[in-house]
Amino acid sequence: MTRLYLDPHEATSQNANIPGLDGIRAISILMVMLNHSKLQVPGGLGVTIFFFLSGFLITSLLLDEYYRNGTIDISKFYLRRFLRLYPPLLAYIAAVVIVLIVLQGHIDLFGLTAITFYFANYLYALMLEAGHIESYGIQLWSLSIEEQFYIVFPPLLLLLLNKRAAIVAVLAGMCLVPLAIRSGIVAVTEPSFYLQYTTAATEARFDSILFGCVTAVAIREPWGPHFIRVATRHTTACFALILLLAAERVPSQAFLQTLRFTLQDLALVSLLLTAVYTPNFLFAKRLMNHSATLWIAALSYSLYLWHFALFKAAQYVLGSVPPVLSYGLGWIASFAVAYAIHVGVERPIVRLRKHFGSGAHEDIGEQMPFASAEVSVDR
C-alpha cells in the first residue's frame, strides 16, 4: 500500500509553506543566480520551475478557499498579490532609480513603467530590453508573465468550479495552446527573433504555470490518490528527472524553444508530487527541508529582484578583478540585502496580508515542519 505524507485535500490548509515546495523554490533561485554568475547552470530551467511551483501553490490555496467557503474572493486574491509583490518591488525600484540618477543623471521612464506595471516581458520578447529595462534588471521579465497570468486565471478557475466543468480536461487542453503558438512562431520566424519571443511572451510561456495549476486540481479529484501513486513511483520520478535535464541538452534551437518547455513541465508533475506527497527519496527530502534551505526559500523573491543588480554593482566597485571575487561579493550582498528586505519590508506586510486571508508566515523560522503524518492512498 502506497502511503502519502500529506493529504492532497489538506496539504495547504491556508498555509503557503508546503514541505518540499520550499526546497524546490530554493533550488530554483540558486540555479538562476548561478547562471547569472556565468556558470554553466540552466537558469532558464530555474525560471520554468518557479512558474510551475507558483501555479501549483496558488491554485492549491484558491481551491482550499473554494472548498472551505464555496467561492473564491477574487478581489482579496488580487489584494494579497499586490501586498506580496509590490512592497519589495517598489523598494528595489526606488534603490535602482536613485543609483541611476546619481550615476547617469537620468532614468528611462518607459522601462520604469514596464517593470512597475508588469509588461517588461514584451520588451524582452521584442528585443527592446537593452534600451529600456536592462539597467533595471532583465530578469524581471518573468514576473510580468506571472502577473499577467494571474489577472485571468482566478476568475477562470472560479467559473470552471461553479460550472462543474471537466476542469482537468479543460485546463490540460489549454496547456497545449502555448506549445502551438511556440511551434508556429518557430516555423515562420528566424532564431534571431524567436529565441527571445518564445521565452518571454506570456502567450508562449503560460503553460509552465498552468501545468502546476492542473496538477493542483488533479490531485483533489476522486482519482487523485491513484494519480499521485503512479506519478511518484521510483521509476516514474527517476525518468522524470532524466527527462527534465536531458531536455536542456538537445542540440536543436527549434526543440529548445518548443517541446523543451512542455516536456519539462510534464516531468515536474512527477518531481513535485514526489517531493511533497510521498516518503520516497527521504535523504533528498531532508536536505530540501533543512533550515538553511528554508531560509534561502524565504528570501527567494528578494534574491530574484536584487541579485542581478548587485552582481553588476560588485563588478563596478571592484573593477578588473577575477570574476570569482566580484561575483562572490555580489552573492554576499544579495543575501544581505534580501534578508534586510525580508525583515524590514516583507515581514511587516505579512500581518496585513493575513487580514485578507493569506496563510503566509511572518518569520523565516516560522515554517511548516517536514510532514510525517502518513495518510493512506486507499482510504
Protein backbone atom coordinates (compact mmCIF):
# COMPACT_ATOMS: atom_id res chain seq x y z
CA MET A 1 0.00 0.00 0.00
CA THR A 2 1.43 3.36 -1.03
CA ARG A 3 1.23 5.93 1.72
CA LEU A 4 1.29 9.70 1.49
CA TYR A 5 2.94 12.18 3.77
CA LEU A 6 0.17 14.71 3.16
CA ASP A 7 -3.49 14.54 2.25
CA PRO A 8 -3.97 16.43 -1.05
CA HIS A 9 -7.17 17.95 0.31
CA GLU A 10 -5.49 19.26 3.43
CA ALA A 11 -1.90 19.91 2.38
CA THR A 12 -2.09 23.67 2.21
CA SER A 13 -4.62 24.38 4.95
CA GLN A 14 -4.32 28.11 4.27
CA ASN A 15 -0.60 27.64 4.61
CA ALA A 16 1.79 28.89 1.96
CA ASN A 17 4.64 26.67 3.15
CA ILE A 18 4.12 23.10 1.99
CA PRO A 19 7.01 20.77 2.90
CA GLY A 20 9.10 20.08 -0.18
CA LEU A 21 7.98 23.15 -2.08
CA ASP A 22 10.36 25.44 -0.23
CA GLY A 23 13.24 23.16 -1.15
CA ILE A 24 12.27 23.35 -4.81
CA ARG A 25 11.97 27.13 -4.54
CA ALA A 26 15.48 27.35 -3.05
CA ILE A 27 16.93 25.16 -5.82
CA SER A 28 15.27 27.36 -8.43
CA ILE A 29 16.67 30.67 -7.19
CA LEU A 30 20.14 29.16 -6.79
CA MET A 31 20.02 27.90 -10.39
CA VAL A 32 19.12 31.39 -11.63
CA MET A 33 21.84 33.07 -9.56
CA LEU A 34 24.48 30.54 -10.60
CA ASN A 35 23.56 31.07 -14.24
CA HIS A 36 23.86 34.84 -13.85
CA SER A 37 27.26 34.21 -12.27
CA LYS A 38 28.37 32.91 -15.70
CA LEU A 39 28.37 29.27 -14.60
CA GLN A 40 27.03 26.51 -16.83
CA VAL A 41 23.80 26.08 -14.89
CA PRO A 42 20.44 26.22 -16.73
CA GLY A 43 18.93 29.38 -15.29
CA GLY A 44 16.02 29.14 -17.71
CA LEU A 45 15.09 25.81 -16.14
CA GLY A 46 15.10 27.53 -12.76
CA VAL A 47 12.53 30.01 -14.09
CA THR A 48 10.39 27.19 -15.51
CA ILE A 49 10.42 25.52 -12.09
CA PHE A 50 9.44 28.83 -10.48
CA PHE A 51 6.48 29.10 -12.85
CA PHE A 52 5.29 25.54 -12.17
CA LEU A 53 5.69 25.93 -8.42
CA SER A 54 3.76 29.20 -8.44
CA GLY A 55 0.86 27.68 -10.34
CA PHE A 56 0.69 24.66 -8.05
CA LEU A 57 0.84 26.62 -4.80
CA ILE A 58 -1.54 29.43 -5.72
CA THR A 59 -4.09 27.05 -7.22
CA SER A 60 -3.87 24.88 -4.09
CA LEU A 61 -4.67 27.89 -1.92
CA LEU A 62 -7.51 29.01 -4.20
CA LEU A 63 -9.02 25.51 -4.15
CA ASP A 64 -8.76 25.36 -0.37
CA GLU A 65 -10.64 28.67 -0.20
CA TYR A 66 -13.30 27.42 -2.61
CA TYR A 67 -13.91 24.14 -0.79
CA ARG A 68 -13.98 25.95 2.55
CA ASN A 69 -16.21 28.90 1.59
CA GLY A 70 -17.98 27.76 -1.56
CA THR A 71 -16.39 30.56 -3.56
CA ILE A 72 -13.15 32.46 -4.18
CA ASP A 73 -12.93 36.11 -3.20
CA ILE A 74 -11.21 37.40 -6.34
CA SER A 75 -10.76 40.94 -5.05
CA LYS A 76 -8.98 39.71 -1.92
CA PHE A 77 -6.77 37.49 -4.08
CA TYR A 78 -5.64 40.48 -6.12
CA LEU A 79 -5.07 42.49 -2.96
CA ARG A 80 -2.97 39.72 -1.44
CA ARG A 81 -0.90 39.52 -4.63
CA PHE A 82 -0.38 43.27 -4.56
CA LEU A 83 0.76 43.19 -0.94
CA ARG A 84 3.02 40.22 -1.58
CA LEU A 85 4.78 41.57 -4.65
CA TYR A 86 4.72 45.34 -4.71
CA PRO A 87 6.37 46.40 -1.41
CA PRO A 88 9.66 44.52 -2.15
CA LEU A 89 9.46 45.51 -5.83
CA LEU A 90 8.97 49.20 -5.04
CA ALA A 91 11.87 49.10 -2.58
CA TYR A 92 14.05 47.62 -5.32
CA ILE A 93 12.86 50.11 -7.94
CA ALA A 94 13.46 53.06 -5.61
CA ALA A 95 17.04 51.95 -4.92
CA VAL A 96 17.82 51.39 -8.62
CA VAL A 97 16.31 54.75 -9.63
CA ILE A 98 18.40 56.59 -7.05
CA VAL A 99 21.59 54.88 -8.26
CA LEU A 100 20.78 55.60 -11.92
CA ILE A 101 20.13 59.27 -11.21
CA VAL A 102 23.40 59.57 -9.29
CA LEU A 103 25.49 57.73 -11.90
CA GLN A 104 23.75 58.73 -15.14
CA GLY A 105 21.69 61.78 -14.30
CA HIS A 106 18.56 60.33 -15.90
CA ILE A 107 16.28 57.29 -15.99
CA ASP A 108 14.32 55.53 -18.72
CA LEU A 109 10.69 56.28 -17.89
CA PHE A 110 9.29 53.75 -20.36
CA GLY A 111 11.43 50.99 -18.88
CA LEU A 112 10.46 52.09 -15.37
CA THR A 113 6.80 51.89 -16.32
CA ALA A 114 7.31 48.46 -17.85
CA ILE A 115 8.76 46.90 -14.73
CA THR A 116 6.33 48.68 -12.41
CA PHE A 117 3.22 47.60 -14.28
CA TYR A 118 4.39 44.17 -15.40
CA PHE A 119 4.84 44.33 -19.14
CA ALA A 120 8.64 44.17 -19.18
CA ASN A 121 8.45 40.67 -20.66
CA TYR A 122 7.31 42.05 -24.00
CA LEU A 123 10.21 44.48 -24.12
CA TYR A 124 12.45 41.48 -23.63
CA ALA A 125 10.49 39.33 -26.09
CA LEU A 126 10.73 42.04 -28.77
CA MET A 127 14.42 42.62 -28.05
CA LEU A 128 13.90 46.13 -26.71
CA GLU A 129 15.31 45.41 -23.26
CA ALA A 130 18.76 46.88 -23.89
CA GLY A 131 17.27 50.30 -24.48
CA HIS A 132 14.66 50.23 -21.75
CA ILE A 133 14.92 47.66 -18.96
CA GLU A 134 18.49 46.40 -18.92
CA SER A 135 19.53 48.97 -16.33
CA TYR A 136 16.66 47.87 -14.08
CA GLY A 137 17.31 44.13 -14.45
CA ILE A 138 16.36 41.98 -17.40
CA GLN A 139 15.39 39.09 -15.10
CA LEU A 140 12.17 40.96 -14.28
CA TRP A 141 10.52 39.70 -17.48
CA SER A 142 9.42 36.51 -15.71
CA LEU A 143 7.49 38.41 -13.04
CA SER A 144 5.45 40.06 -15.79
CA ILE A 145 4.37 36.68 -17.17
CA GLU A 146 3.16 35.54 -13.77
CA GLU A 147 1.15 38.66 -13.06
CA GLN A 148 -0.45 38.75 -16.49
CA PHE A 149 -1.45 35.11 -16.00
CA TYR A 150 -2.94 35.72 -12.56
CA ILE A 151 -5.12 38.54 -13.83
CA VAL A 152 -7.02 35.91 -15.84
CA PHE A 153 -6.66 32.61 -14.00
CA PRO A 154 -8.58 33.03 -10.69
CA PRO A 155 -11.83 34.16 -12.39
CA LEU A 156 -11.44 31.34 -14.91
CA LEU A 157 -10.89 28.79 -12.15
CA LEU A 158 -13.93 30.03 -10.24
CA LEU A 159 -16.06 29.85 -13.40
CA LEU A 160 -14.99 26.27 -14.10
CA LEU A 161 -15.57 25.22 -10.49
CA ASN A 162 -19.04 26.77 -10.42
CA LYS A 163 -19.98 25.19 -13.74
CA ARG A 164 -18.84 21.77 -12.50
CA ALA A 165 -16.93 21.50 -15.76
CA ALA A 166 -14.43 18.80 -16.62
CA ILE A 167 -11.89 21.16 -15.16
CA VAL A 168 -8.79 18.98 -15.51
CA ALA A 169 -9.52 18.29 -19.17
CA VAL A 170 -10.20 21.96 -19.91
CA LEU A 171 -7.06 23.24 -18.20
CA ALA A 172 -4.90 20.44 -19.62
CA GLY A 173 -6.17 21.28 -23.09
CA MET A 174 -5.25 24.92 -22.53
CA CYS A 175 -1.68 23.80 -21.82
CA LEU A 176 -1.37 22.87 -25.49
CA VAL A 177 -2.08 26.42 -26.67
CA PRO A 178 1.36 27.89 -25.84
CA LEU A 179 3.05 24.86 -27.44
CA ALA A 180 1.10 25.51 -30.64
CA ILE A 181 1.98 29.21 -30.51
CA ARG A 182 5.67 28.49 -29.96
CA SER A 183 5.71 25.97 -32.77
CA GLY A 184 4.05 28.40 -35.15
CA ILE A 185 6.43 31.23 -34.29
CA VAL A 186 9.48 28.98 -34.69
CA ALA A 187 8.16 27.76 -38.06
CA VAL A 188 7.75 31.22 -39.58
CA THR A 189 10.48 33.36 -37.98
CA GLU A 190 14.25 33.31 -37.63
CA PRO A 191 16.12 32.30 -34.45
CA SER A 192 17.21 35.92 -34.01
CA PHE A 193 13.55 36.67 -33.21
CA TYR A 194 12.00 33.51 -31.82
CA LEU A 195 14.71 32.71 -29.25
CA GLN A 196 13.60 35.58 -27.04
CA TYR A 197 9.95 35.80 -28.03
CA THR A 198 9.11 32.19 -27.25
CA THR A 199 10.97 32.52 -23.96
CA ALA A 200 9.32 35.66 -22.65
CA ALA A 201 5.94 36.30 -24.32
CA THR A 202 3.10 35.35 -22.00
CA GLU A 203 1.05 33.56 -24.65
CA ALA A 204 4.09 31.39 -25.39
CA ARG A 205 5.01 30.54 -21.79
CA PHE A 206 1.94 30.48 -19.56
CA ASP A 207 1.76 26.68 -19.88
CA SER A 208 4.57 26.31 -17.35
CA ILE A 209 2.35 27.99 -14.75
CA LEU A 210 -0.79 26.23 -15.94
CA PHE A 211 0.77 22.76 -15.66
CA GLY A 212 1.27 23.49 -11.97
CA CYS A 213 -2.35 24.62 -11.72
CA VAL A 214 -3.61 21.45 -13.41
CA THR A 215 -1.55 19.30 -11.04
CA ALA A 216 -3.08 21.02 -8.00
CA VAL A 217 -6.58 20.42 -9.38
CA ALA A 218 -5.94 16.82 -10.44
CA ILE A 219 -4.75 15.57 -7.07
CA ARG A 220 -8.00 16.79 -5.49
CA GLU A 221 -10.16 14.79 -7.89
CA PRO A 222 -11.61 11.43 -6.69
CA TRP A 223 -8.89 9.68 -8.68
CA GLY A 224 -6.21 11.99 -7.27
CA PRO A 225 -4.62 9.50 -4.85
CA HIS A 226 -4.19 6.94 -7.65
CA PHE A 227 -2.69 9.65 -9.84
CA ILE A 228 -0.20 10.53 -7.11
CA ARG A 229 0.67 6.86 -6.57
CA VAL A 230 1.54 6.39 -10.25
CA ALA A 231 3.33 9.73 -10.62
CA THR A 232 5.55 9.19 -7.58
CA ARG A 233 6.83 5.68 -8.20
CA HIS A 234 10.60 5.46 -8.09
CA THR A 235 10.80 4.61 -11.78
CA THR A 236 8.46 7.47 -12.73
CA ALA A 237 10.35 10.02 -10.66
CA CYS A 238 13.76 8.90 -11.93
CA PHE A 239 12.56 9.02 -15.53
CA ALA A 240 11.09 12.49 -14.89
CA LEU A 241 14.42 13.76 -13.54
CA ILE A 242 16.28 12.39 -16.56
CA LEU A 243 13.72 13.96 -18.90
CA LEU A 244 13.92 17.31 -17.10
CA LEU A 245 17.69 17.51 -17.52
CA ALA A 246 18.00 15.80 -20.90
CA ALA A 247 15.57 18.25 -22.50
CA GLU A 248 18.12 21.00 -21.79
CA ARG A 249 20.80 19.22 -23.82
CA VAL A 250 19.03 18.60 -27.12
CA PRO A 251 21.15 20.38 -29.79
CA SER A 252 18.24 21.98 -31.62
CA GLN A 253 17.11 25.56 -31.12
CA ALA A 254 13.68 24.73 -32.54
CA PHE A 255 13.23 21.91 -29.99
CA LEU A 256 14.55 24.01 -27.12
CA GLN A 257 12.03 26.77 -27.82
CA THR A 258 9.04 24.48 -28.33
CA LEU A 259 8.88 20.96 -26.90
CA ARG A 260 11.52 21.51 -24.23
CA PHE A 261 9.19 23.57 -22.04
CA THR A 262 6.30 21.12 -22.40
CA LEU A 263 8.41 18.05 -21.59
CA GLN A 264 10.00 19.74 -18.60
CA ASP A 265 6.57 20.78 -17.30
CA LEU A 266 5.38 17.18 -17.58
CA ALA A 267 8.49 15.98 -15.73
CA LEU A 268 7.85 18.50 -12.95
CA VAL A 269 4.43 16.93 -12.26
CA SER A 270 6.11 13.77 -11.02
CA LEU A 271 9.02 15.50 -9.30
CA LEU A 272 6.89 17.96 -7.36
CA LEU A 273 4.41 15.32 -6.22
CA THR A 274 7.30 13.09 -5.17
CA ALA A 275 8.83 15.95 -3.18
CA VAL A 276 5.59 16.69 -1.35
CA TYR A 277 3.35 13.64 -1.06
CA THR A 278 5.47 10.51 -0.55
CA PRO A 279 8.30 9.38 1.73
CA ASN A 280 10.42 8.35 -1.27
CA PHE A 281 13.98 9.72 -1.53
CA LEU A 282 13.98 10.61 2.16
CA PHE A 283 17.62 11.78 2.25
CA ALA A 284 17.00 14.32 -0.52
CA LYS A 285 13.86 15.49 1.25
CA ARG A 286 15.73 16.11 4.46
CA LEU A 287 18.16 18.31 2.57
CA MET A 288 15.29 20.13 0.87
CA ASN A 289 13.65 20.79 4.23
CA HIS A 290 16.83 21.73 6.07
CA SER A 291 16.66 25.03 7.93
CA ALA A 292 19.28 26.56 5.59
CA THR A 293 17.22 25.56 2.56
CA LEU A 294 14.07 27.05 4.07
CA TRP A 295 16.00 30.25 4.79
CA ILE A 296 17.05 30.57 1.14
CA ALA A 297 13.48 29.86 0.02
CA ALA A 298 12.10 32.56 2.29
CA LEU A 299 14.47 35.08 0.69
CA SER A 300 13.92 33.86 -2.87
CA TYR A 301 11.71 36.71 -4.10
CA SER A 302 14.06 39.43 -2.89
CA LEU A 303 17.06 37.45 -4.11
CA TYR A 304 15.45 37.29 -7.54
CA LEU A 305 14.81 41.03 -7.55
CA TRP A 306 18.21 42.15 -6.31
CA HIS A 307 20.89 39.68 -7.36
CA PHE A 308 21.44 40.82 -10.95
CA ALA A 309 21.84 44.48 -9.98
CA LEU A 310 24.13 43.62 -7.09
CA PHE A 311 26.31 41.42 -9.31
CA LYS A 312 26.76 44.41 -11.62
CA ALA A 313 27.36 46.72 -8.67
CA ALA A 314 30.08 44.43 -7.33
CA GLN A 315 31.79 44.40 -10.72
CA TYR A 316 31.57 48.21 -10.86
CA VAL A 317 33.02 48.65 -7.38
CA LEU A 318 35.84 46.10 -7.67
CA GLY A 319 36.79 46.83 -11.27
CA SER A 320 39.03 44.40 -13.13
CA VAL A 321 39.40 41.68 -10.53
CA PRO A 322 38.92 37.95 -11.10
CA PRO A 323 35.21 37.15 -11.62
CA VAL A 324 35.17 34.86 -8.60
CA LEU A 325 35.81 37.88 -6.38
CA SER A 326 33.24 40.19 -7.92
CA TYR A 327 30.56 37.51 -8.06
CA GLY A 328 31.45 36.39 -4.54
CA LEU A 329 30.86 39.93 -3.30
CA GLY A 330 27.65 40.04 -5.33
CA TRP A 331 26.37 36.86 -3.68
CA ILE A 332 27.15 38.16 -0.19
CA ALA A 333 25.48 41.47 -0.96
CA SER A 334 22.45 39.71 -2.46
CA PHE A 335 21.78 37.63 0.64
CA ALA A 336 22.44 40.58 2.97
CA VAL A 337 20.03 42.86 1.11
CA ALA A 338 17.42 40.13 0.66
CA TYR A 339 17.45 39.45 4.41
CA ALA A 340 17.15 43.16 5.15
CA ILE A 341 14.16 43.43 2.80
CA HIS A 342 12.60 40.36 4.39
CA VAL A 343 12.90 41.84 7.87
CA GLY A 344 12.15 45.45 7.03
CA VAL A 345 9.54 45.13 4.28
CA GLU A 346 8.12 41.63 3.81
CA ARG A 347 7.68 40.62 7.43
CA PRO A 348 5.63 43.69 8.46
CA ILE A 349 3.42 43.33 5.37
CA VAL A 350 2.64 39.69 6.24
CA ARG A 351 0.47 40.86 9.12
CA LEU A 352 -1.62 42.94 6.76
CA ARG A 353 -1.83 40.11 4.21
CA LYS A 354 -3.15 37.74 6.87
CA HIS A 355 -6.03 40.15 7.41
CA PHE A 356 -7.09 39.41 3.83
CA GLY A 357 -6.83 35.64 4.11
CA SER A 358 -3.17 34.95 3.42
CA GLY A 359 -1.56 31.90 5.01
CA ALA A 360 1.94 33.36 4.73
CA HIS A 361 4.35 33.07 7.63
CA GLU A 362 5.72 36.14 9.31
CA ASP A 363 9.21 34.91 10.03
CA ILE A 364 11.78 32.75 8.27
CA GLY A 365 11.80 30.35 11.19
CA GLU A 366 8.03 30.07 11.26
CA GLN A 367 7.93 27.25 8.73
CA MET A 368 5.76 24.18 8.48
CA PRO A 369 7.87 21.25 9.70
CA PHE A 370 8.56 18.26 7.49
CA ALA A 371 5.31 16.36 7.37
CA SER A 372 5.27 12.96 8.97
CA ALA A 373 1.61 12.14 9.38
CA GLU A 374 1.02 9.31 6.96
CA VAL A 375 -2.25 9.13 5.07
CA SER A 376 -3.28 6.04 3.15
CA VAL A 377 -3.97 6.39 -0.57
CA ASP A 378 -6.59 3.68 -0.34
CA ARG A 379 -8.94 5.36 2.12
